[in-house]
Amino acid sequence: MSTFMKSKFSESVDGRGIAISGSATPGVLVHTAVAGSAVGVYDEVWLYAYNSHSSSVAVTVEFGGSIVPGDIVKATVPAVSGLLPLIPGYPLQGGCEVRVYAAVQNVVAVSGFVNKIT
């Protein structure tokens, strides 16, 4: 039987949002997934963005790098809005890093949670 445990991102302080200060790859580290590659053991990542800027801002999420096209998700977060869902339950393992950068520095924050599944 599987077990689920809701957790904060590994880089979040007390579960709070993470300011995105980077504007290019490799981006700001948000979370490092569970190590290893055991079947049925992974982190299910739920990521949301808030934009405090007066204009829309392009945001890029990277999973373990930027080499494979499926490892990059791009979105535009409308002005003064959020929490916009960016990643709806993406399963990760193997110590994969989730990193985020935005076209404008220090106006986007990301928050969310990880379901640790075993």
PDB file of N, CA and C in Angstrom:
ATOM      1  N   MET A   1       0.840  -1.186   0.000  1.00  0.00           N
ATOM      2  CA  MET A   1       0.000   0.000   0.000  1.00  0.00           C
ATOM      3  C   MET A   1       0.883   1.246   0.000  1.00  0.00           C
ATOM      4  N   SER A   2       0.552   2.220  -0.815  1.00  0.00           N
ATOM      5  CA  SER A   2       1.309   3.473  -0.896  1.00  0.00           C
ATOM      6  C   SER A   2       0.995   4.379   0.278  1.00  0.00           C
ATOM      7  N   THR A   3       1.994   5.179   0.641  1.00  0.00           N
ATOM      8  CA  THR A   3       1.782   6.213   1.649  1.00  0.00           C
ATOM      9  C   THR A   3       2.113   7.566   1.031  1.00  0.00           C
ATOM     10  N   PHE A   4       1.366   8.589   1.430  1.00  0.00           N
ATOM     11  CA  PHE A   4       1.566   9.940   0.958  1.00  0.00           C
ATOM     12  C   PHE A   4       1.875  10.825   2.159  1.00  0.00           C
ATOM     13  N   MET A   5       2.870  11.698   2.005  1.00  0.00           N
ATOM     14  CA  MET A   5       3.165  12.669   3.045  1.00  0.00           C
ATOM     15  C   MET A   5       3.379  14.025   2.371  1.00  0.00           C
ATOM     16  N   LYS A   6       2.514  14.986   2.674  1.00  0.00           N
ATOM     17  CA  LYS A   6       2.645  16.321   2.091  1.00  0.00           C
ATOM     18  C   LYS A   6       3.798  17.044   2.779  1.00  0.00           C
ATOM     19  N   SER A   7       4.690  17.638   1.971  1.00  0.00           N
ATOM     20  CA  SER A   7       5.872  18.324   2.484  1.00  0.00           C
ATOM     21  C   SER A   7       6.074  19.644   1.756  1.00  0.00           C
ATOM     22  N   LYS A   8       6.852  20.502   2.363  1.00  0.00           N
ATOM     23  CA  LYS A   8       7.242  21.754   1.719  1.00  0.00           C
ATOM     24  C   LYS A   8       8.379  21.474   0.742  1.00  0.00           C
ATOM     25  N   PHE A   9       8.663  22.428  -0.132  1.00  0.00           N
ATOM     26  CA  PHE A   9       9.801  22.298  -1.022  1.00  0.00           C
ATOM     27  C   PHE A   9      11.084  22.284  -0.200  1.00  0.00           C
ATOM     28  N   SER A  10      12.077  21.564  -0.662  1.00  0.00           N
ATOM     29  CA  SER A  10      13.329  21.446   0.088  1.00  0.00           C
ATOM     30  C   SER A  10      13.999  22.802   0.314  1.00  0.00           C
ATOM     31  N   GLU A  11      13.769  23.766  -0.549  1.00  0.00           N
ATOM     32  CA  GLU A  11      14.412  25.079  -0.407  1.00  0.00           C
ATOM     33  C   GLU A  11      13.502  26.138   0.213  1.00  0.00           C
ATOM     34  N   SER A  12      12.306  25.768   0.599  1.00  0.00           N
ATOM     35  CA  SER A  12      11.368  26.710   1.216  1.00  0.00           C
ATOM     36  C   SER A  12      11.626  26.807   2.714  1.00  0.00           C
ATOM     37  N   VAL A  13      11.545  28.014   3.226  1.00  0.00           N
ATOM     38  CA  VAL A  13      11.665  28.234   4.668  1.00  0.00           C
ATOM     39  C   VAL A  13      10.259  28.194   5.249  1.00  0.00           C
ATOM     40  N   ASP A  14       9.993  27.225   6.082  1.00  0.00           N
ATOM     41  CA  ASP A  14       8.703  27.085   6.754  1.00  0.00           C
ATOM     42  C   ASP A  14       7.521  26.972   5.791  1.00  0.00           C
ATOM     43  N   GLY A  15       7.757  26.501   4.569  1.00  0.00           N
ATOM     44  CA  GLY A  15       6.681  26.338   3.600  1.00  0.00           C
ATOM     45  C   GLY A  15       6.302  27.606   2.865  1.00  0.00           C
ATOM     46  N   ARG A  16       7.070  28.668   3.074  1.00  0.00           N
ATOM     47  CA  ARG A  16       6.761  29.955   2.440  1.00  0.00           C
ATOM     48  C   ARG A  16       7.208  29.978   0.981  1.00  0.00           C
ATOM     49  N   GLY A  17       6.735  30.983   0.242  1.00  0.00           N
ATOM     50  CA  GLY A  17       7.102  31.156  -1.153  1.00  0.00           C
ATOM     51  C   GLY A  17       8.590  31.419  -1.323  1.00  0.00           C
ATOM     52  N   ILE A  18       9.075  31.169  -2.534  1.00  0.00           N
ATOM     53  CA  ILE A  18      10.482  31.360  -2.861  1.00  0.00           C
ATOM     54  C   ILE A  18      10.570  32.434  -3.936  1.00  0.00           C
ATOM     55  N   ALA A  19      11.275  33.528  -3.638  1.00  0.00           N
ATOM     56  CA  ALA A  19      11.446  34.618  -4.601  1.00  0.00           C
ATOM     57  C   ALA A  19      12.350  34.157  -5.737  1.00  0.00           C
ATOM     58  N   ILE A  20      11.973  34.499  -6.958  1.00  0.00           N
ATOM     59  CA  ILE A  20      12.747  34.105  -8.125  1.00  0.00           C
ATOM     60  C   ILE A  20      13.627  35.281  -8.549  1.00  0.00           C
ATOM     61  N   SER A  21      14.897  35.176  -8.170  1.00  0.00           N
ATOM     62  CA  SER A  21      15.856  36.247  -8.450  1.00  0.00           C
ATOM     63  C   SER A  21      16.651  35.988  -9.728  1.00  0.00           C
ATOM     64  N   GLY A  22      16.581  34.773 -10.248  1.00  0.00           N
ATOM     65  CA  GLY A  22      17.324  34.444 -11.466  1.00  0.00           C
ATOM     66  C   GLY A  22      16.540  34.779 -12.713  1.00  0.00           C
ATOM     67  N   SER A  23      17.282  35.197 -13.777  1.00  0.00           N
ATOM     68  CA  SER A  23      16.617  35.514 -15.033  1.00  0.00           C
ATOM     69  C   SER A  23      17.129  34.653 -16.194  1.00  0.00           C
ATOM     70  N   ALA A  24      17.915  33.621 -15.872  1.00  0.00           N
ATOM     71  CA  ALA A  24      18.430  32.714 -16.909  1.00  0.00           C
ATOM     72  C   ALA A  24      18.767  31.378 -16.266  1.00  0.00           C
ATOM     73  N   THR A  25      18.946  30.368 -17.115  1.00  0.00           N
ATOM     74  CA  THR A  25      19.322  29.060 -16.619  1.00  0.00           C
ATOM     75  C   THR A  25      20.641  29.153 -15.860  1.00  0.00           C
ATOM     76  N   PRO A  26      20.839  28.499 -14.742  1.00  0.00           N
ATOM     77  CA  PRO A  26      20.102  27.371 -14.241  1.00  0.00           C
ATOM     78  C   PRO A  26      18.932  27.734 -13.334  1.00  0.00           C
ATOM     79  N   GLY A  27      18.644  28.970 -13.081  1.00  0.00           N
ATOM     80  CA  GLY A  27      17.491  29.335 -12.267  1.00  0.00           C
ATOM     81  C   GLY A  27      17.697  29.130 -10.781  1.00  0.00           C
ATOM     82  N   VAL A  28      16.691  29.502 -10.014  1.00  0.00           N
ATOM     83  CA  VAL A  28      16.706  29.405  -8.551  1.00  0.00           C
ATOM     84  C   VAL A  28      16.263  27.995  -8.153  1.00  0.00           C
ATOM     85  N   LEU A  29      17.044  27.346  -7.299  1.00  0.00           N
ATOM     86  CA  LEU A  29      16.692  26.010  -6.828  1.00  0.00           C
ATOM     87  C   LEU A  29      15.462  26.093  -5.935  1.00  0.00           C
ATOM     88  N   VAL A  30      14.438  25.313  -6.276  1.00  0.00           N
ATOM     89  CA  VAL A  30      13.179  25.284  -5.524  1.00  0.00           C
ATOM     90  C   VAL A  30      13.060  23.984  -4.733  1.00  0.00           C
ATOM     91  N   HIS A  31      13.398  22.870  -5.379  1.00  0.00           N
ATOM     92  CA  HIS A  31      13.248  21.574  -4.710  1.00  0.00           C
ATOM     93  C   HIS A  31      14.197  20.549  -5.320  1.00  0.00           C
ATOM     94  N   THR A  32      14.713  19.660  -4.467  1.00  0.00           N
ATOM     95  CA  THR A  32      15.490  18.513  -4.918  1.00  0.00           C
ATOM     96  C   THR A  32      14.685  17.265  -4.580  1.00  0.00           C
ATOM     97  N   ALA A  33      14.358  16.490  -5.603  1.00  0.00           N
ATOM     98  CA  ALA A  33      13.516  15.297  -5.433  1.00  0.00           C
ATOM     99  C   ALA A  33      14.262  14.204  -4.675  1.00  0.00           C
ATOM    100  N   VAL A  34      13.487  13.229  -4.228  1.00  0.00           N
ATOM    101  CA  VAL A  34      14.013  12.080  -3.513  1.00  0.00           C
ATOM    102  C   VAL A  34      15.118  11.417  -4.341  1.00  0.00           C
ATOM    103  N   ALA A  35      16.178  10.959  -3.659  1.00  0.00           N
ATOM    104  CA  ALA A  35      17.276  10.272  -4.338  1.00  0.00           C
ATOM    105  C   ALA A  35      16.838   8.864  -4.734  1.00  0.00           C
ATOM    106  N   GLY A  36      17.541   8.293  -5.696  1.00  0.00           N
ATOM    107  CA  GLY A  36      17.262   6.921  -6.099  1.00  0.00           C
ATOM    108  C   GLY A  36      16.203   6.829  -7.163  1.00  0.00           C
ATOM    109  N   SER A  37      15.971   5.579  -7.583  1.00  0.00           N
ATOM    110  CA  SER A  37      15.002   5.355  -8.663  1.00  0.00           C
ATOM    111  C   SER A  37      14.125   4.136  -8.394  1.00  0.00           C
ATOM    112  N   ALA A  38      13.852   3.872  -7.122  1.00  0.00           N
ATOM    113  CA  ALA A  38      13.012   2.734  -6.766  1.00  0.00           C
ATOM    114  C   ALA A  38      11.602   2.916  -7.331  1.00  0.00           C
ATOM    115  N   VAL A  39      11.049   1.835  -7.825  1.00  0.00           N
ATOM    116  CA  VAL A  39       9.687   1.866  -8.367  1.00  0.00           C
ATOM    117  C   VAL A  39       8.707   2.276  -7.265  1.00  0.00           C
ATOM    118  N   GLY A  40       7.851   3.249  -7.561  1.00  0.00           N
ATOM    119  CA  GLY A  40       6.819   3.671  -6.615  1.00  0.00           C
ATOM    120  C   GLY A  40       7.281   4.631  -5.544  1.00  0.00           C
ATOM    121  N   VAL A  41       8.540   5.081  -5.600  1.00  0.00           N
ATOM    122  CA  VAL A  41       9.049   6.043  -4.620  1.00  0.00           C
ATOM    123  C   VAL A  41       9.431   7.307  -5.376  1.00  0.00           C
ATOM    124  N   TYR A  42       8.657   8.376  -5.154  1.00  0.00           N
ATOM    125  CA  TYR A  42       8.945   9.616  -5.855  1.00  0.00           C
ATOM    126  C   TYR A  42       8.314  10.800  -5.145  1.00  0.00           C
ATOM    127  N   ASP A  43       8.678  12.000  -5.597  1.00  0.00           N
ATOM    128  CA  ASP A  43       8.086  13.245  -5.130  1.00  0.00           C
ATOM    129  C   ASP A  43       7.135  13.744  -6.217  1.00  0.00           C
ATOM    130  N   GLU A  44       5.903  14.015  -5.829  1.00  0.00           N
ATOM    131  CA  GLU A  44       4.913  14.570  -6.749  1.00  0.00           C
ATOM    132  C   GLU A  44       4.880  16.083  -6.499  1.00  0.00           C
ATOM    133  N   VAL A  45       5.368  16.862  -7.467  1.00  0.00           N
ATOM    134  CA  VAL A  45       5.577  18.303  -7.302  1.00  0.00           C
ATOM    135  C   VAL A  45       4.375  19.097  -7.812  1.00  0.00           C
ATOM    136  N   TRP A  46       3.857  19.965  -6.946  1.00  0.00           N
ATOM    137  CA  TRP A  46       2.778  20.896  -7.278  1.00  0.00           C
ATOM    138  C   TRP A  46       3.339  22.305  -7.113  1.00  0.00           C
ATOM    139  N   LEU A  47       3.457  23.057  -8.206  1.00  0.00           N
ATOM    140  CA  LEU A  47       4.128  24.357  -8.190  1.00  0.00           C
ATOM    141  C   LEU A  47       3.191  25.447  -8.705  1.00  0.00           C
ATOM    142  N   TYR A  48       3.145  26.558  -7.973  1.00  0.00           N
ATOM    143  CA  TYR A  48       2.297  27.703  -8.309  1.00  0.00           C
ATOM    144  C   TYR A  48       3.153  28.968  -8.335  1.00  0.00           C
ATOM    145  N   ALA A  49       2.742  29.961  -9.133  1.00  0.00           N
ATOM    146  CA  ALA A  49       3.499  31.210  -9.220  1.00  0.00           C
ATOM    147  C   ALA A  49       2.610  32.412  -8.933  1.00  0.00           C
ATOM    148  N   TYR A  50       3.219  33.426  -8.335  1.00  0.00           N
ATOM    149  CA  TYR A  50       2.570  34.715  -8.097  1.00  0.00           C
ATOM    150  C   TYR A  50       3.441  35.786  -8.736  1.00  0.00           C
ATOM    151  N   ASN A  51       2.818  36.737  -9.434  1.00  0.00           N
ATOM    152  CA  ASN A  51       3.531  37.831 -10.082  1.00  0.00           C
ATOM    153  C   ASN A  51       3.063  39.148  -9.477  1.00  0.00           C
ATOM    154  N   SER A  52       3.980  39.892  -8.842  1.00  0.00           N
ATOM    155  CA  SER A  52       3.637  41.181  -8.244  1.00  0.00           C
ATOM    156  C   SER A  52       3.913  42.350  -9.195  1.00  0.00           C
ATOM    157  N   HIS A  53       4.426  42.069 -10.371  1.00  0.00           N
ATOM    158  CA  HIS A  53       4.811  43.100 -11.333  1.00  0.00           C
ATOM    159  C   HIS A  53       3.577  43.679 -12.041  1.00  0.00           C
ATOM    160  N   SER A  54       3.719  44.881 -12.585  1.00  0.00           N
ATOM    161  CA  SER A  54       2.610  45.532 -13.286  1.00  0.00           C
ATOM    162  C   SER A  54       2.418  45.015 -14.715  1.00  0.00           C
ATOM    163  N   SER A  55       3.293  44.129 -15.157  1.00  0.00           N
ATOM    164  CA  SER A  55       3.185  43.509 -16.485  1.00  0.00           C
ATOM    165  C   SER A  55       3.298  41.994 -16.355  1.00  0.00           C
ATOM    166  N   SER A  56       2.841  41.292 -17.364  1.00  0.00           N
ATOM    167  CA  SER A  56       3.001  39.841 -17.393  1.00  0.00           C
ATOM    168  C   SER A  56       4.487  39.490 -17.433  1.00  0.00           C
ATOM    169  N   VAL A  57       4.826  38.331 -16.848  1.00  0.00           N
ATOM    170  CA  VAL A  57       6.223  37.905 -16.791  1.00  0.00           C
ATOM    171  C   VAL A  57       6.330  36.457 -17.256  1.00  0.00           C
ATOM    172  N   ALA A  58       7.269  36.208 -18.156  1.00  0.00           N
ATOM    173  CA  ALA A  58       7.544  34.845 -18.612  1.00  0.00           C
ATOM    174  C   ALA A  58       8.348  34.115 -17.539  1.00  0.00           C
ATOM    175  N   VAL A  59       7.927  32.888 -17.244  1.00  0.00           N
ATOM    176  CA  VAL A  59       8.571  32.063 -16.220  1.00  0.00           C
ATOM    177  C   VAL A  59       8.953  30.728 -16.859  1.00  0.00           C
ATOM    178  N   THR A  60      10.130  30.227 -16.490  1.00  0.00           N
ATOM    179  CA  THR A  60      10.602  28.936 -16.979  1.00  0.00           C
ATOM    180  C   THR A  60      10.914  28.032 -15.802  1.00  0.00           C
ATOM    181  N   VAL A  61      10.398  26.806 -15.853  1.00  0.00           N
ATOM    182  CA  VAL A  61      10.668  25.789 -14.838  1.00  0.00           C
ATOM    183  C   VAL A  61      11.526  24.721 -15.504  1.00  0.00           C
ATOM    184  N   GLU A  62      12.629  24.357 -14.849  1.00  0.00           N
ATOM    185  CA  GLU A  62      13.522  23.319 -15.363  1.00  0.00           C
ATOM    186  C   GLU A  62      13.537  22.131 -14.416  1.00  0.00           C
ATOM    187  N   PHE A  63      13.500  20.946 -14.977  1.00  0.00           N
ATOM    188  CA  PHE A  63      13.582  19.707 -14.201  1.00  0.00           C
ATOM    189  C   PHE A  63      14.887  19.018 -14.535  1.00  0.00           C
ATOM    190  N   GLY A  64      15.901  19.191 -13.694  1.00  0.00           N
ATOM    191  CA  GLY A  64      17.163  18.496 -13.897  1.00  0.00           C
ATOM    192  C   GLY A  64      18.002  19.029 -15.034  1.00  0.00           C
ATOM    193  N   GLY A  65      17.743  20.201 -15.507  1.00  0.00           N
ATOM    194  CA  GLY A  65      18.532  20.780 -16.585  1.00  0.00           C
ATOM    195  C   GLY A  65      17.676  21.292 -17.707  1.00  0.00           C
ATOM    196  N   SER A  66      18.338  21.596 -18.815  1.00  0.00           N
ATOM    197  CA  SER A  66      17.596  22.161 -19.945  1.00  0.00           C
ATOM    198  C   SER A  66      17.939  21.461 -21.256  1.00  0.00           C
ATOM    199  N   ILE A  67      18.444  20.249 -21.189  1.00  0.00           N
ATOM    200  CA  ILE A  67      18.861  19.537 -22.391  1.00  0.00           C
ATOM    201  C   ILE A  67      17.677  18.892 -23.117  1.00  0.00           C
ATOM    202  N   VAL A  68      16.833  18.162 -22.395  1.00  0.00           N
ATOM    203  CA  VAL A  68      15.696  17.461 -22.986  1.00  0.00           C
ATOM    204  C   VAL A  68      14.496  18.412 -23.029  1.00  0.00           C
ATOM    205  N   PRO A  69      13.833  18.570 -24.192  1.00  0.00           N
ATOM    206  CA  PRO A  69      12.701  19.502 -24.279  1.00  0.00           C
ATOM    207  C   PRO A  69      11.621  19.288 -23.222  1.00  0.00           C
ATOM    208  N   GLY A  70      11.335  18.055 -22.834  1.00  0.00           N
ATOM    209  CA  GLY A  70      10.314  17.790 -21.820  1.00  0.00           C
ATOM    210  C   GLY A  70      10.722  18.202 -20.418  1.00  0.00           C
ATOM    211  N   ASP A  71      11.991  18.572 -20.239  1.00  0.00           N
ATOM    212  CA  ASP A  71      12.485  18.987 -18.931  1.00  0.00           C
ATOM    213  C   ASP A  71      12.299  20.473 -18.686  1.00  0.00           C
ATOM    214  N   ILE A  72      11.622  21.166 -19.595  1.00  0.00           N
ATOM    215  CA  ILE A  72      11.412  22.611 -19.478  1.00  0.00           C
ATOM    216  C   ILE A  72       9.931  22.923 -19.654  1.00  0.00           C
ATOM    217  N   VAL A  73       9.386  23.733 -18.746  1.00  0.00           N
ATOM    218  CA  VAL A  73       8.010  24.201 -18.857  1.00  0.00           C
ATOM    219  C   VAL A  73       8.049  25.724 -18.843  1.00  0.00           C
ATOM    220  N   LYS A  74       7.416  26.334 -19.821  1.00  0.00           N
ATOM    221  CA  LYS A  74       7.370  27.793 -19.897  1.00  0.00           C
ATOM    222  C   LYS A  74       5.929  28.252 -19.736  1.00  0.00           C
ATOM    223  N   ALA A  75       5.763  29.370 -19.041  1.00  0.00           N
ATOM    224  CA  ALA A  75       4.434  29.933 -18.835  1.00  0.00           C
ATOM    225  C   ALA A  75       4.555  31.442 -18.716  1.00  0.00           C
ATOM    226  N   THR A  76       3.461  32.121 -18.956  1.00  0.00           N
ATOM    227  CA  THR A  76       3.401  33.561 -18.733  1.00  0.00           C
ATOM    228  C   THR A  76       2.442  33.806 -17.583  1.00  0.00           C
ATOM    229  N   VAL A  77       2.948  34.494 -16.555  1.00  0.00           N
ATOM    230  CA  VAL A  77       2.137  34.777 -15.376  1.00  0.00           C
ATOM    231  C   VAL A  77       1.616  36.208 -15.508  1.00  0.00           C
ATOM    232  N   PRO A  78       0.292  36.384 -15.578  1.00  0.00           N
ATOM    233  CA  PRO A  78      -0.287  37.721 -15.751  1.00  0.00           C
ATOM    234  C   PRO A  78       0.108  38.685 -14.622  1.00  0.00           C
ATOM    235  N   ALA A  79       0.011  39.974 -14.927  1.00  0.00           N
ATOM    236  CA  ALA A  79       0.347  41.020 -13.964  1.00  0.00           C
ATOM    237  C   ALA A  79      -0.497  40.903 -12.699  1.00  0.00           C
ATOM    238  N   VAL A  80       0.129  41.142 -11.578  1.00  0.00           N
ATOM    239  CA  VAL A  80      -0.491  41.160 -10.263  1.00  0.00           C
ATOM    240  C   VAL A  80      -1.497  40.017 -10.120  1.00  0.00           C
ATOM    241  N   SER A  81      -1.006  38.809 -10.290  1.00  0.00           N
ATOM    242  CA  SER A  81      -1.889  37.663 -10.188  1.00  0.00           C
ATOM    243  C   SER A  81      -1.175  36.437  -9.653  1.00  0.00           C
ATOM    244  N   GLY A  82      -1.944  35.502  -9.225  1.00  0.00           N
ATOM    245  CA  GLY A  82      -1.453  34.222  -8.726  1.00  0.00           C
ATOM    246  C   GLY A  82      -2.437  33.762  -7.691  1.00  0.00           C
ATOM    247  N   LEU A  83      -2.365  32.641  -7.273  1.00  0.00           N
ATOM    248  CA  LEU A  83      -1.378  31.616  -7.520  1.00  0.00           C
ATOM    249  C   LEU A  83      -1.760  30.843  -8.780  1.00  0.00           C
ATOM    250  N   LEU A  84      -0.966  31.000  -9.821  1.00  0.00           N
ATOM    251  CA  LEU A  84      -1.194  30.349 -11.098  1.00  0.00           C
ATOM    252  C   LEU A  84      -0.529  28.978 -11.077  1.00  0.00           C
ATOM    253  N   PRO A  85      -1.277  27.903 -11.350  1.00  0.00           N
ATOM    254  CA  PRO A  85      -0.656  26.583 -11.355  1.00  0.00           C
ATOM    255  C   PRO A  85       0.323  26.446 -12.521  1.00  0.00           C
ATOM    256  N   LEU A  86       1.539  26.039 -12.206  1.00  0.00           N
ATOM    257  CA  LEU A  86       2.560  25.808 -13.231  1.00  0.00           C
ATOM    258  C   LEU A  86       2.817  24.317 -13.427  1.00  0.00           C
ATOM    259  N   ILE A  87       2.908  23.573 -12.327  1.00  0.00           N
ATOM    260  CA  ILE A  87       3.204  22.147 -12.383  1.00  0.00           C
ATOM    261  C   ILE A  87       2.161  21.407 -11.548  1.00  0.00           C
ATOM    262  N   PRO A  88       1.272  20.652 -12.193  1.00  0.00           N
ATOM    263  CA  PRO A  88       0.197  19.966 -11.474  1.00  0.00           C
ATOM    264  C   PRO A  88       0.513  18.501 -11.158  1.00  0.00           C
ATOM    265  N   GLY A  89       1.395  18.276 -10.205  1.00  0.00           N
ATOM    266  CA  GLY A  89       1.638  16.908  -9.764  1.00  0.00           C
ATOM    267  C   GLY A  89       2.628  16.129 -10.605  1.00  0.00           C
ATOM    268  N   TYR A  90       3.754  16.722 -10.948  1.00  0.00           N
ATOM    269  CA  TYR A  90       4.779  16.087 -11.764  1.00  0.00           C
ATOM    270  C   TYR A  90       5.608  15.142 -10.901  1.00  0.00           C
ATOM    271  N   PRO A  91       5.699  13.841 -11.236  1.00  0.00           N
ATOM    272  CA  PRO A  91       6.452  12.887 -10.412  1.00  0.00           C
ATOM    273  C   PRO A  91       7.945  12.928 -10.730  1.00  0.00           C
ATOM    274  N   LEU A  92       8.757  13.093  -9.700  1.00  0.00           N
ATOM    275  CA  LEU A  92      10.212  13.170  -9.868  1.00  0.00           C
ATOM    276  C   LEU A  92      10.917  12.277  -8.861  1.00  0.00           C
ATOM    277  N   GLN A  93      12.108  11.822  -9.225  1.00  0.00           N
ATOM    278  CA  GLN A  93      12.967  11.070  -8.327  1.00  0.00           C
ATOM    279  C   GLN A  93      14.398  11.219  -8.826  1.00  0.00           C
ATOM    280  N   GLY A  94      15.330  10.458  -8.251  1.00  0.00           N
ATOM    281  CA  GLY A  94      16.712  10.494  -8.704  1.00  0.00           C
ATOM    282  C   GLY A  94      17.455  11.766  -8.349  1.00  0.00           C
ATOM    283  N   GLY A  95      16.981  12.491  -7.319  1.00  0.00           N
ATOM    284  CA  GLY A  95      17.640  13.736  -6.928  1.00  0.00           C
ATOM    285  C   GLY A  95      17.469  14.853  -7.941  1.00  0.00           C
ATOM    286  N   CYS A  96      16.483  14.732  -8.808  1.00  0.00           N
ATOM    287  CA  CYS A  96      16.228  15.737  -9.840  1.00  0.00           C
ATOM    288  C   CYS A  96      15.951  17.098  -9.194  1.00  0.00           C
ATOM    289  N   GLU A  97      16.583  18.129  -9.720  1.00  0.00           N
ATOM    290  CA  GLU A  97      16.380  19.478  -9.192  1.00  0.00           C
ATOM    291  C   GLU A  97      15.312  20.223  -9.984  1.00  0.00           C
ATOM    292  N   VAL A  98      14.433  20.912  -9.267  1.00  0.00           N
ATOM    293  CA  VAL A  98      13.448  21.801  -9.879  1.00  0.00           C
ATOM    294  C   VAL A  98      13.986  23.215  -9.706  1.00  0.00           C
ATOM    295  N   ARG A  99      14.207  23.890 -10.809  1.00  0.00           N
ATOM    296  CA  ARG A  99      14.734  25.256 -10.788  1.00  0.00           C
ATOM    297  C   ARG A  99      13.807  26.158 -11.593  1.00  0.00           C
ATOM    298  N   VAL A 100      13.731  27.428 -11.191  1.00  0.00           N
ATOM    299  CA  VAL A 100      12.831  28.380 -11.846  1.00  0.00           C
ATOM    300  C   VAL A 100      13.572  29.681 -12.106  1.00  0.00           C
ATOM    301  N   TYR A 101      13.328  30.264 -13.284  1.00  0.00           N
ATOM    302  CA  TYR A 101      13.797  31.626 -13.535  1.00  0.00           C
ATOM    303  C   TYR A 101      12.700  32.408 -14.238  1.00  0.00           C
ATOM    304  N   ALA A 102      12.795  33.737 -14.169  1.00  0.00           N
ATOM    305  CA  ALA A 102      11.761  34.611 -14.728  1.00  0.00           C
ATOM    306  C   ALA A 102      12.413  35.722 -15.533  1.00  0.00           C
ATOM    307  N   ALA A 103      11.687  36.246 -16.507  1.00  0.00           N
ATOM    308  CA  ALA A 103      12.209  37.295 -17.374  1.00  0.00           C
ATOM    309  C   ALA A 103      12.506  38.586 -16.609  1.00  0.00           C
ATOM    310  N   VAL A 104      11.808  38.804 -15.513  1.00  0.00           N
ATOM    311  CA  VAL A 104      12.044  39.968 -14.657  1.00  0.00           C
ATOM    312  C   VAL A 104      12.405  39.451 -13.271  1.00  0.00           C
ATOM    313  N   GLN A 105      13.514  39.923 -12.748  1.00  0.00           N
ATOM    314  CA  GLN A 105      13.979  39.444 -11.452  1.00  0.00           C
ATOM    315  C   GLN A 105      13.161  40.012 -10.292  1.00  0.00           C
ATOM    316  N   ASN A 106      12.986  39.176  -9.265  1.00  0.00           N
ATOM    317  CA  ASN A 106      12.428  39.570  -7.971  1.00  0.00           C
ATOM    318  C   ASN A 106      10.991  40.088  -7.998  1.00  0.00           C
ATOM    319  N   VAL A 107      10.196  39.669  -8.981  1.00  0.00           N
ATOM    320  CA  VAL A 107       8.777  40.035  -8.987  1.00  0.00           C
ATOM    321  C   VAL A 107       7.878  38.803  -8.959  1.00  0.00           C
ATOM    322  N   VAL A 108       8.459  37.628  -9.200  1.00  0.00           N
ATOM    323  CA  VAL A 108       7.722  36.378  -9.181  1.00  0.00           C
ATOM    324  C   VAL A 108       8.171  35.557  -7.977  1.00  0.00           C
ATOM    325  N   ALA A 109       7.196  34.964  -7.309  1.00  0.00           N
ATOM    326  CA  ALA A 109       7.494  34.022  -6.222  1.00  0.00           C
ATOM    327  C   ALA A 109       6.762  32.731  -6.537  1.00  0.00           C
ATOM    328  N   VAL A 110       7.385  31.609  -6.199  1.00  0.00           N
ATOM    329  CA  VAL A 110       6.726  30.322  -6.384  1.00  0.00           C
ATOM    330  C   VAL A 110       6.467  29.689  -5.033  1.00  0.00           C
ATOM    331  N   SER A 111       5.407  28.936  -4.972  1.00  0.00           N
ATOM    332  CA  SER A 111       5.060  28.198  -3.757  1.00  0.00           C
ATOM    333  C   SER A 111       4.394  26.912  -4.191  1.00  0.00           C
ATOM    334  N   GLY A 112       4.081  26.091  -3.220  1.00  0.00           N
ATOM    335  CA  GLY A 112       3.436  24.832  -3.522  1.00  0.00           C
ATOM    336  C   GLY A 112       3.824  23.778  -2.506  1.00  0.00           C
ATOM    337  N   PHE A 113       3.805  22.528  -2.961  1.00  0.00           N
ATOM    338  CA  PHE A 113       4.098  21.437  -2.038  1.00  0.00           C
ATOM    339  C   PHE A 113       4.538  20.202  -2.805  1.00  0.00           C
ATOM    340  N   VAL A 114       5.001  19.232  -2.072  1.00  0.00           N
ATOM    341  CA  VAL A 114       5.426  17.953  -2.620  1.00  0.00           C
ATOM    342  C   VAL A 114       4.679  16.851  -1.870  1.00  0.00           C
ATOM    343  N   ASN A 115       4.084  15.946  -2.616  1.00  0.00           N
ATOM    344  CA  ASN A 115       3.555  14.723  -1.998  1.00  0.00           C
ATOM    345  C   ASN A 115       4.667  13.691  -2.094  1.00  0.00           C
ATOM    346  N   LYS A 116       5.216  13.313  -0.959  1.00  0.00           N
ATOM    347  CA  LYS A 116       6.248  12.284  -0.928  1.00  0.00           C
ATOM    348  C   LYS A 116       5.528  10.937  -0.910  1.00  0.00           C
ATOM    349  N   ILE A 117       5.725  10.159  -1.967  1.00  0.00           N
ATOM    350  CA  ILE A 117       4.975   8.917  -2.147  1.00  0.00           C
ATOM    351  C   ILE A 117       5.933   7.729  -2.067  1.00  0.00           C
ATOM    352  N   THR A 118       5.562   6.773  -1.223  1.00  0.00           N
ATOM    353  CA  THR A 118       6.350   5.538  -1.086  1.00  0.00           C
ATOM    354  C   THR A 118       5.430   4.355  -1.191  1.00  0.00           C
TER     355      THR A 118
END
